[in-house]
Amino acid sequence: ARRGASDFTDPFDYAGWWNAYGVLWLQIESVEAVTRAHLLAR
């Protein structure tokens, strides 16, 4: 059920595509997280 799985037969091709496609968010919900935002944004 992976997004885009049917478009690839080679695992390395899929992995390269995914790493340039998937979007990762981190939710910050505290004063501590806000003041460390620049460190969390790796």
All heavy atoms as atom14 arrays in JSON, in Angstrom:
{
  "sequence": "ARRGASDFTDPFDYAGWWNAYGVLWLQIESVEAVTRAHLLAR",
  "atom14_mask": [
    [1, 1, 1, 1, 1, 0, 0, 0, 0, 0, 0, 0, 0, 0],
    [1, 1, 1, 1, 1, 1, 1, 1, 1, 1, 1, 0, 0, 0],
    [1, 1, 1, 1, 1, 1, 1, 1, 1, 1, 1, 0, 0, 0],
    [1, 1, 1, 1, 0, 0, 0, 0, 0, 0, 0, 0, 0, 0],
    [1, 1, 1, 1, 1, 0, 0, 0, 0, 0, 0, 0, 0, 0],
    [1, 1, 1, 1, 1, 1, 0, 0, 0, 0, 0, 0, 0, 0],
    [1, 1, 1, 1, 1, 1, 1, 1, 0, 0, 0, 0, 0, 0],
    [1, 1, 1, 1, 1, 1, 1, 1, 1, 1, 1, 0, 0, 0],
    [1, 1, 1, 1, 1, 1, 1, 0, 0, 0, 0, 0, 0, 0],
    [1, 1, 1, 1, 1, 1, 1, 1, 0, 0, 0, 0, 0, 0],
    [1, 1, 1, 1, 1, 1, 1, 0, 0, 0, 0, 0, 0, 0],
    [1, 1, 1, 1, 1, 1, 1, 1, 1, 1, 1, 0, 0, 0],
    [1, 1, 1, 1, 1, 1, 1, 1, 0, 0, 0, 0, 0, 0],
    [1, 1, 1, 1, 1, 1, 1, 1, 1, 1, 1, 1, 0, 0],
    [1, 1, 1, 1, 1, 0, 0, 0, 0, 0, 0, 0, 0, 0],
    [1, 1, 1, 1, 0, 0, 0, 0, 0, 0, 0, 0, 0, 0],
    [1, 1, 1, 1, 1, 1, 1, 1, 1, 1, 1, 1, 1, 1],
    [1, 1, 1, 1, 1, 1, 1, 1, 1, 1, 1, 1, 1, 1],
    [1, 1, 1, 1, 1, 1, 1, 1, 0, 0, 0, 0, 0, 0],
    [1, 1, 1, 1, 1, 0, 0, 0, 0, 0, 0, 0, 0, 0],
    [1, 1, 1, 1, 1, 1, 1, 1, 1, 1, 1, 1, 0, 0],
    [1, 1, 1, 1, 0, 0, 0, 0, 0, 0, 0, 0, 0, 0],
    [1, 1, 1, 1, 1, 1, 1, 0, 0, 0, 0, 0, 0, 0],
    [1, 1, 1, 1, 1, 1, 1, 1, 0, 0, 0, 0, 0, 0],
    [1, 1, 1, 1, 1, 1, 1, 1, 1, 1, 1, 1, 1, 1],
    [1, 1, 1, 1, 1, 1, 1, 1, 0, 0, 0, 0, 0, 0],
    [1, 1, 1, 1, 1, 1, 1, 1, 1, 0, 0, 0, 0, 0],
    [1, 1, 1, 1, 1, 1, 1, 1, 0, 0, 0, 0, 0, 0],
    [1, 1, 1, 1, 1, 1, 1, 1, 1, 0, 0, 0, 0, 0],
    [1, 1, 1, 1, 1, 1, 0, 0, 0, 0, 0, 0, 0, 0],
    [1, 1, 1, 1, 1, 1, 1, 0, 0, 0, 0, 0, 0, 0],
    [1, 1, 1, 1, 1, 1, 1, 1, 1, 0, 0, 0, 0, 0],
    [1, 1, 1, 1, 1, 0, 0, 0, 0, 0, 0, 0, 0, 0],
    [1, 1, 1, 1, 1, 1, 1, 0, 0, 0, 0, 0, 0, 0],
    [1, 1, 1, 1, 1, 1, 1, 0, 0, 0, 0, 0, 0, 0],
    [1, 1, 1, 1, 1, 1, 1, 1, 1, 1, 1, 0, 0, 0],
    [1, 1, 1, 1, 1, 0, 0, 0, 0, 0, 0, 0, 0, 0],
    [1, 1, 1, 1, 1, 1, 1, 1, 1, 1, 0, 0, 0, 0],
    [1, 1, 1, 1, 1, 1, 1, 1, 0, 0, 0, 0, 0, 0],
    [1, 1, 1, 1, 1, 1, 1, 1, 0, 0, 0, 0, 0, 0],
    [1, 1, 1, 1, 1, 0, 0, 0, 0, 0, 0, 0, 0, 0],
    [1, 1, 1, 1, 1, 1, 1, 1, 1, 1, 1, 0, 0, 0]
  ],
  "atom14_positions": [
    [[0.81, -1.22, 0.0], [0.0, 0.0, 0.0], [0.84, 1.27, 0.0], [0.29, 2.36, 0.0], [-0.94, 0.0, 1.21], [0.0, 0.0, 0.0], [0.0, 0.0, 0.0], [0.0, 0.0, 0.0], [0.0, 0.0, 0.0], [0.0, 0.0, 0.0], [0.0, 0.0, 0.0], [0.0, 0.0, 0.0], [0.0, 0.0, 0.0], [0.0, 0.0, 0.0]],
    [[2.16, 1.14, 0.0], [3.03, 2.33, -0.01], [2.69, 3.25, -1.18], [2.41, 2.79, -2.28], [4.5, 1.92, -0.17], [5.18, 1.36, 1.04], [6.55, 0.8, 0.68], [6.44, -0.35, -0.18], [7.02, -0.47, -1.37], [7.72, 0.53, -1.88], [6.87, -1.57, -2.09], [0.0, 0.0, 0.0], [0.0, 0.0, 0.0], [0.0, 0.0, 0.0]],
    [[2.75, 4.54, -0.91], [2.52, 5.5, -2.0], [3.57, 5.28, -3.08], [4.78, 5.24, -2.82], [2.61, 6.94, -1.47], [2.26, 8.02, -2.48], [0.81, 7.87, -3.0], [0.38, 9.03, -3.74], [-0.52, 9.91, -3.28], [-1.07, 9.75, -2.1], [-0.86, 10.95, -4.01], [0.0, 0.0, 0.0], [0.0, 0.0, 0.0], [0.0, 0.0, 0.0]],
    [[3.13, 5.14, -4.32], [4.02, 5.0, -5.46], [4.62, 3.62, -5.63], [5.44, 3.42, -6.54], [0.0, 0.0, 0.0], [0.0, 0.0, 0.0], [0.0, 0.0, 0.0], [0.0, 0.0, 0.0], [0.0, 0.0, 0.0], [0.0, 0.0, 0.0], [0.0, 0.0, 0.0], [0.0, 0.0, 0.0], [0.0, 0.0, 0.0], [0.0, 0.0, 0.0]],
    [[4.22, 2.64, -4.82], [4.85, 1.32, -4.87], [4.69, 0.65, -6.23], [5.61, -0.03, -6.71], [4.27, 0.42, -3.78], [0.0, 0.0, 0.0], [0.0, 0.0, 0.0], [0.0, 0.0, 0.0], [0.0, 0.0, 0.0], [0.0, 0.0, 0.0], [0.0, 0.0, 0.0], [0.0, 0.0, 0.0], [0.0, 0.0, 0.0], [0.0, 0.0, 0.0]],
    [[3.54, 0.86, -6.87], [3.28, 0.19, -8.14], [4.11, 0.76, -9.29], [4.17, 0.16, -10.37], [1.79, 0.29, -8.49], [1.4, 1.65, -8.64], [0.0, 0.0, 0.0], [0.0, 0.0, 0.0], [0.0, 0.0, 0.0], [0.0, 0.0, 0.0], [0.0, 0.0, 0.0], [0.0, 0.0, 0.0], [0.0, 0.0, 0.0], [0.0, 0.0, 0.0]],
    [[4.76, 1.89, -9.06], [5.54, 2.53, -10.12], [6.99, 2.07, -10.17], [7.74, 2.48, -11.05], [5.52, 4.05, -9.95], [4.13, 4.64, -10.07], [3.32, 4.07, -10.84], [3.84, 5.64, -9.4], [0.0, 0.0, 0.0], [0.0, 0.0, 0.0], [0.0, 0.0, 0.0], [0.0, 0.0, 0.0], [0.0, 0.0, 0.0], [0.0, 0.0, 0.0]],
    [[7.38, 1.22, -9.22], [8.79, 0.82, -9.13], [8.9, -0.7, -8.95], [8.1, -1.32, -8.26], [9.46, 1.5, -7.94], [9.54, 2.99, -8.04], [8.48, 3.79, -7.6], [10.65, 3.62, -8.59], [8.54, 5.17, -7.7], [10.72, 5.0, -8.7], [9.66, 5.78, -8.26], [0.0, 0.0, 0.0], [0.0, 0.0, 0.0], [0.0, 0.0, 0.0]],
    [[9.92, -1.27, -9.59], [10.25, -2.67, -9.38], [11.55, -2.84, -8.62], [11.75, -3.86, -7.97], [10.35, -3.41, -10.72], [11.34, -2.76, -11.55], [9.0, -3.41, -11.45], [0.0, 0.0, 0.0], [0.0, 0.0, 0.0], [0.0, 0.0, 0.0], [0.0, 0.0, 0.0], [0.0, 0.0, 0.0], [0.0, 0.0, 0.0], [0.0, 0.0, 0.0]],
    [[12.4, -1.85, -8.67], [13.71, -1.91, -8.0], [13.62, -1.2, -6.65], [13.26, -0.01, -6.6], [14.78, -1.24, -8.86], [16.16, -1.39, -8.27], [16.43, -0.75, -7.23], [16.98, -2.13, -8.84], [0.0, 0.0, 0.0], [0.0, 0.0, 0.0], [0.0, 0.0, 0.0], [0.0, 0.0, 0.0], [0.0, 0.0, 0.0], [0.0, 0.0, 0.0]],
    [[13.93, -1.88, -5.55], [13.85, -1.24, -4.22], [14.72, -0.01, -4.09], [14.34, 0.96, -3.42], [14.32, -2.35, -3.27], [14.05, -3.61, -4.0], [14.28, -3.3, -5.45], [0.0, 0.0, 0.0], [0.0, 0.0, 0.0], [0.0, 0.0, 0.0], [0.0, 0.0, 0.0], [0.0, 0.0, 0.0], [0.0, 0.0, 0.0], [0.0, 0.0, 0.0]],
    [[15.88, 0.0, -4.73], [16.78, 1.15, -4.63], [16.19, 2.35, -5.37], [16.34, 3.5, -4.91], [18.16, 0.8, -5.18], [18.94, -0.1, -4.27], [18.83, -1.48, -4.38], [19.78, 0.43, -3.29], [19.53, -2.32, -3.54], [20.49, -0.4, -2.45], [20.37, -1.79, -2.56], [0.0, 0.0, 0.0], [0.0, 0.0, 0.0], [0.0, 0.0, 0.0]],
    [[15.55, 2.09, -6.5], [14.9, 3.19, -7.22], [13.77, 3.78, -6.38], [13.61, 5.01, -6.3], [14.34, 2.7, -8.56], [15.42, 2.4, -9.57], [16.56, 2.85, -9.37], [15.11, 1.69, -10.56], [0.0, 0.0, 0.0], [0.0, 0.0, 0.0], [0.0, 0.0, 0.0], [0.0, 0.0, 0.0], [0.0, 0.0, 0.0], [0.0, 0.0, 0.0]],
    [[12.98, 2.9, -5.76], [11.89, 3.4, -4.93], [12.42, 4.2, -3.75], [11.9, 5.28, -3.43], [11.01, 2.26, -4.42], [9.86, 2.76, -3.57], [8.68, 3.2, -4.16], [9.99, 2.87, -2.18], [7.64, 3.7, -3.39], [8.95, 3.38, -1.41], [7.78, 3.78, -2.02], [6.78, 4.31, -1.25], [0.0, 0.0, 0.0], [0.0, 0.0, 0.0]],
    [[13.45, 3.68, -3.1], [14.01, 4.36, -1.93], [14.52, 5.74, -2.29], [14.29, 6.71, -1.55], [15.14, 3.51, -1.33], [0.0, 0.0, 0.0], [0.0, 0.0, 0.0], [0.0, 0.0, 0.0], [0.0, 0.0, 0.0], [0.0, 0.0, 0.0], [0.0, 0.0, 0.0], [0.0, 0.0, 0.0], [0.0, 0.0, 0.0], [0.0, 0.0, 0.0]],
    [[15.18, 5.85, -3.43], [15.67, 7.15, -3.86], [14.53, 8.11, -4.16], [14.6, 9.3, -3.81], [0.0, 0.0, 0.0], [0.0, 0.0, 0.0], [0.0, 0.0, 0.0], [0.0, 0.0, 0.0], [0.0, 0.0, 0.0], [0.0, 0.0, 0.0], [0.0, 0.0, 0.0], [0.0, 0.0, 0.0], [0.0, 0.0, 0.0], [0.0, 0.0, 0.0]],
    [[13.49, 7.58, -4.81], [12.33, 8.42, -5.09], [11.67, 8.88, -3.8], [11.36, 10.06, -3.64], [11.32, 7.64, -5.94], [10.01, 8.35, -6.1], [9.73, 9.35, -6.98], [8.81, 8.11, -5.33], [8.41, 9.76, -6.81], [7.84, 9.02, -5.81], [8.48, 7.24, -4.31], [6.55, 9.09, -5.28], [7.2, 7.29, -3.78], [6.25, 8.2, -4.26]],
    [[11.43, 7.94, -2.88], [10.75, 8.3, -1.63], [11.52, 9.36, -0.85], [10.93, 10.32, -0.33], [10.53, 7.07, -0.74], [10.04, 7.52, 0.6], [10.76, 7.71, 1.75], [8.7, 7.96, 0.92], [9.97, 8.22, 2.76], [8.7, 8.37, 2.26], [7.51, 8.01, 0.18], [7.55, 8.85, 2.89], [6.38, 8.48, 0.81], [6.4, 8.89, 2.15]],
    [[12.83, 9.19, -0.75], [13.62, 10.12, 0.05], [13.57, 11.54, -0.5], [13.82, 12.5, 0.22], [15.08, 9.65, 0.14], [15.25, 8.47, 1.07], [14.3, 8.01, 1.71], [16.47, 7.95, 1.15], [0.0, 0.0, 0.0], [0.0, 0.0, 0.0], [0.0, 0.0, 0.0], [0.0, 0.0, 0.0], [0.0, 0.0, 0.0], [0.0, 0.0, 0.0]],
    [[13.22, 11.68, -1.78], [13.07, 13.01, -2.39], [11.61, 13.44, -2.46], [11.32, 14.54, -2.92], [13.67, 13.01, -3.8], [0.0, 0.0, 0.0], [0.0, 0.0, 0.0], [0.0, 0.0, 0.0], [0.0, 0.0, 0.0], [0.0, 0.0, 0.0], [0.0, 0.0, 0.0], [0.0, 0.0, 0.0], [0.0, 0.0, 0.0], [0.0, 0.0, 0.0]],
    [[10.69, 12.59, -1.99], [9.25, 12.84, -2.13], [8.55, 13.04, -0.79], [7.75, 13.97, -0.62], [8.62, 11.66, -2.87], [7.11, 11.73, -2.99], [6.5, 12.46, -4.0], [6.29, 11.04, -2.09], [5.12, 12.51, -4.13], [4.9, 11.1, -2.2], [4.32, 11.83, -3.22], [2.96, 11.89, -3.33], [0.0, 0.0, 0.0], [0.0, 0.0, 0.0]],
    [[8.79, 12.15, 0.17], [8.07, 12.19, 1.44], [8.36, 13.45, 2.24], [9.46, 14.0, 2.18], [0.0, 0.0, 0.0], [0.0, 0.0, 0.0], [0.0, 0.0, 0.0], [0.0, 0.0, 0.0], [0.0, 0.0, 0.0], [0.0, 0.0, 0.0], [0.0, 0.0, 0.0], [0.0, 0.0, 0.0], [0.0, 0.0, 0.0], [0.0, 0.0, 0.0]],
    [[7.36, 13.89, 2.99], [7.46, 15.15, 3.74], [7.34, 14.86, 5.24], [6.35, 14.27, 5.68], [6.36, 16.14, 3.29], [6.34, 17.37, 4.2], [6.6, 16.56, 1.84], [0.0, 0.0, 0.0], [0.0, 0.0, 0.0], [0.0, 0.0, 0.0], [0.0, 0.0, 0.0], [0.0, 0.0, 0.0], [0.0, 0.0, 0.0], [0.0, 0.0, 0.0]],
    [[8.32, 15.3, 6.0], [8.34, 15.06, 7.44], [8.13, 16.36, 8.21], [8.9, 17.31, 8.07], [9.69, 14.45, 7.85], [9.88, 14.18, 9.35], [8.83, 13.21, 9.89], [11.28, 13.66, 9.62], [0.0, 0.0, 0.0], [0.0, 0.0, 0.0], [0.0, 0.0, 0.0], [0.0, 0.0, 0.0], [0.0, 0.0, 0.0], [0.0, 0.0, 0.0]],
    [[7.05, 16.39, 9.01], [6.77, 17.52, 9.89], [7.03, 17.12, 11.33], [6.75, 15.98, 11.73], [5.3, 17.91, 9.85], [4.76, 18.49, 8.59], [5.34, 18.55, 7.37], [3.46, 19.08, 8.45], [4.49, 19.14, 6.47], [3.33, 19.47, 7.1], [2.4, 19.31, 9.33], [2.17, 20.09, 6.62], [1.26, 19.91, 8.84], [1.15, 20.31, 7.5]],
    [[7.49, 18.06, 12.11], [7.55, 17.92, 13.56], [6.67, 19.0, 14.15], [6.8, 20.18, 13.8], [8.99, 18.08, 14.07], [10.03, 17.15, 13.45], [11.41, 17.49, 14.02], [9.7, 15.69, 13.68], [0.0, 0.0, 0.0], [0.0, 0.0, 0.0], [0.0, 0.0, 0.0], [0.0, 0.0, 0.0], [0.0, 0.0, 0.0], [0.0, 0.0, 0.0]],
    [[5.77, 18.62, 15.04], [4.84, 19.59, 15.63], [5.43, 20.1, 16.95], [5.8, 19.31, 17.83], [3.47, 18.95, 15.87], [2.4, 19.98, 16.2], [1.01, 19.37, 16.21], [0.85, 18.16, 16.31], [-0.01, 20.2, 16.12], [0.0, 0.0, 0.0], [0.0, 0.0, 0.0], [0.0, 0.0, 0.0], [0.0, 0.0, 0.0], [0.0, 0.0, 0.0]],
    [[5.51, 21.41, 17.08], [6.04, 22.02, 18.29], [4.89, 22.67, 19.05], [4.16, 23.49, 18.52], [7.18, 23.03, 17.98], [6.75, 24.05, 16.93], [8.41, 22.29, 17.49], [7.81, 25.11, 16.67], [0.0, 0.0, 0.0], [0.0, 0.0, 0.0], [0.0, 0.0, 0.0], [0.0, 0.0, 0.0], [0.0, 0.0, 0.0], [0.0, 0.0, 0.0]],
    [[4.77, 22.26, 20.34], [3.57, 22.63, 21.09], [3.89, 23.08, 22.51], [3.03, 23.03, 23.39], [2.62, 21.43, 21.13], [2.28, 20.89, 19.75], [1.33, 19.72, 19.78], [0.13, 19.93, 20.06], [1.79, 18.58, 19.53], [0.0, 0.0, 0.0], [0.0, 0.0, 0.0], [0.0, 0.0, 0.0], [0.0, 0.0, 0.0], [0.0, 0.0, 0.0]],
    [[5.12, 23.53, 22.72], [5.51, 24.0, 24.05], [6.52, 25.13, 23.92], [7.17, 25.29, 22.87], [6.14, 22.86, 24.87], [7.38, 22.48, 24.32], [0.0, 0.0, 0.0], [0.0, 0.0, 0.0], [0.0, 0.0, 0.0], [0.0, 0.0, 0.0], [0.0, 0.0, 0.0], [0.0, 0.0, 0.0], [0.0, 0.0, 0.0], [0.0, 0.0, 0.0]],
    [[6.65, 25.9, 24.98], [7.64, 26.98, 25.0], [9.04, 26.41, 24.78], [9.86, 26.98, 24.05], [7.57, 27.75, 26.34], [8.76, 28.68, 26.49], [6.26, 28.53, 26.43], [0.0, 0.0, 0.0], [0.0, 0.0, 0.0], [0.0, 0.0, 0.0], [0.0, 0.0, 0.0], [0.0, 0.0, 0.0], [0.0, 0.0, 0.0], [0.0, 0.0, 0.0]],
    [[9.31, 25.27, 25.41], [10.63, 24.65, 25.28], [10.93, 24.28, 23.83], [12.04, 24.5, 23.33], [10.71, 23.4, 26.17], [10.68, 23.67, 27.66], [9.28, 23.93, 28.22], [8.28, 23.8, 27.45], [9.18, 24.26, 29.41], [0.0, 0.0, 0.0], [0.0, 0.0, 0.0], [0.0, 0.0, 0.0], [0.0, 0.0, 0.0], [0.0, 0.0, 0.0]],
    [[9.92, 23.72, 23.14], [10.12, 23.35, 21.74], [10.3, 24.57, 20.85], [11.13, 24.57, 19.93], [8.94, 22.52, 21.25], [0.0, 0.0, 0.0], [0.0, 0.0, 0.0], [0.0, 0.0, 0.0], [0.0, 0.0, 0.0], [0.0, 0.0, 0.0], [0.0, 0.0, 0.0], [0.0, 0.0, 0.0], [0.0, 0.0, 0.0], [0.0, 0.0, 0.0]],
    [[9.55, 25.61, 21.13], [9.67, 26.84, 20.33], [11.06, 27.43, 20.44], [11.67, 27.81, 19.44], [8.6, 27.87, 20.78], [8.89, 29.24, 20.18], [7.21, 27.4, 20.36], [0.0, 0.0, 0.0], [0.0, 0.0, 0.0], [0.0, 0.0, 0.0], [0.0, 0.0, 0.0], [0.0, 0.0, 0.0], [0.0, 0.0, 0.0], [0.0, 0.0, 0.0]],
    [[11.59, 27.51, 21.64], [12.91, 28.12, 21.82], [14.03, 27.24, 21.29], [15.14, 27.73, 21.05], [13.16, 28.42, 23.32], [13.0, 27.22, 24.08], [12.18, 29.47, 23.82], [0.0, 0.0, 0.0], [0.0, 0.0, 0.0], [0.0, 0.0, 0.0], [0.0, 0.0, 0.0], [0.0, 0.0, 0.0], [0.0, 0.0, 0.0], [0.0, 0.0, 0.0]],
    [[13.76, 25.96, 21.04], [14.76, 25.04, 20.49], [14.45, 24.71, 19.03], [15.05, 23.77, 18.47], [14.81, 23.75, 21.3], [15.19, 23.92, 22.75], [15.42, 22.57, 23.45], [16.67, 21.98, 23.0], [16.75, 20.89, 22.23], [15.64, 20.3, 21.8], [17.93, 20.4, 21.88], [0.0, 0.0, 0.0], [0.0, 0.0, 0.0], [0.0, 0.0, 0.0]],
    [[13.58, 25.45, 18.42], [13.12, 25.12, 17.06], [14.28, 25.0, 16.08], [14.32, 24.09, 15.24], [12.12, 26.16, 16.58], [0.0, 0.0, 0.0], [0.0, 0.0, 0.0], [0.0, 0.0, 0.0], [0.0, 0.0, 0.0], [0.0, 0.0, 0.0], [0.0, 0.0, 0.0], [0.0, 0.0, 0.0], [0.0, 0.0, 0.0], [0.0, 0.0, 0.0]],
    [[15.24, 25.9, 16.18], [16.36, 25.88, 15.23], [17.21, 24.62, 15.39], [17.9, 24.2, 14.45], [17.22, 27.13, 15.41], [17.86, 27.26, 16.74], [17.15, 27.47, 17.9], [19.17, 27.18, 17.13], [17.97, 27.54, 18.93], [19.2, 27.36, 18.49], [0.0, 0.0, 0.0], [0.0, 0.0, 0.0], [0.0, 0.0, 0.0], [0.0, 0.0, 0.0]],
    [[17.18, 24.0, 16.58], [17.93, 22.77, 16.81], [17.14, 21.54, 16.36], [17.72, 20.54, 15.94], [18.28, 22.64, 18.3], [19.15, 23.75, 18.89], [19.31, 23.56, 20.39], [20.51, 23.78, 18.18], [0.0, 0.0, 0.0], [0.0, 0.0, 0.0], [0.0, 0.0, 0.0], [0.0, 0.0, 0.0], [0.0, 0.0, 0.0], [0.0, 0.0, 0.0]],
    [[15.81, 21.63, 16.44], [14.96, 20.53, 16.0], [14.91, 20.44, 14.48], [14.64, 19.37, 13.93], [13.55, 20.71, 16.55], [13.4, 20.75, 18.08], [11.95, 21.03, 18.47], [13.89, 19.46, 18.73], [0.0, 0.0, 0.0], [0.0, 0.0, 0.0], [0.0, 0.0, 0.0], [0.0, 0.0, 0.0], [0.0, 0.0, 0.0], [0.0, 0.0, 0.0]],
    [[15.15, 21.56, 13.81], [15.04, 21.63, 12.35], [16.29, 21.06, 11.68], [17.02, 21.74, 10.96], [14.81, 23.07, 11.91], [0.0, 0.0, 0.0], [0.0, 0.0, 0.0], [0.0, 0.0, 0.0], [0.0, 0.0, 0.0], [0.0, 0.0, 0.0], [0.0, 0.0, 0.0], [0.0, 0.0, 0.0], [0.0, 0.0, 0.0], [0.0, 0.0, 0.0]],
    [[16.52, 19.78, 11.89], [17.7, 19.12, 11.35], [17.51, 18.76, 9.88], [16.4, 18.76, 9.35], [18.0, 17.85, 12.17], [18.49, 18.13, 13.56], [18.63, 16.87, 14.39], [19.36, 15.81, 13.7], [19.63, 14.62, 14.24], [19.23, 14.35, 15.48], [20.3, 13.71, 13.55], [0.0, 0.0, 0.0], [0.0, 0.0, 0.0], [0.0, 0.0, 0.0]]
  ]
}
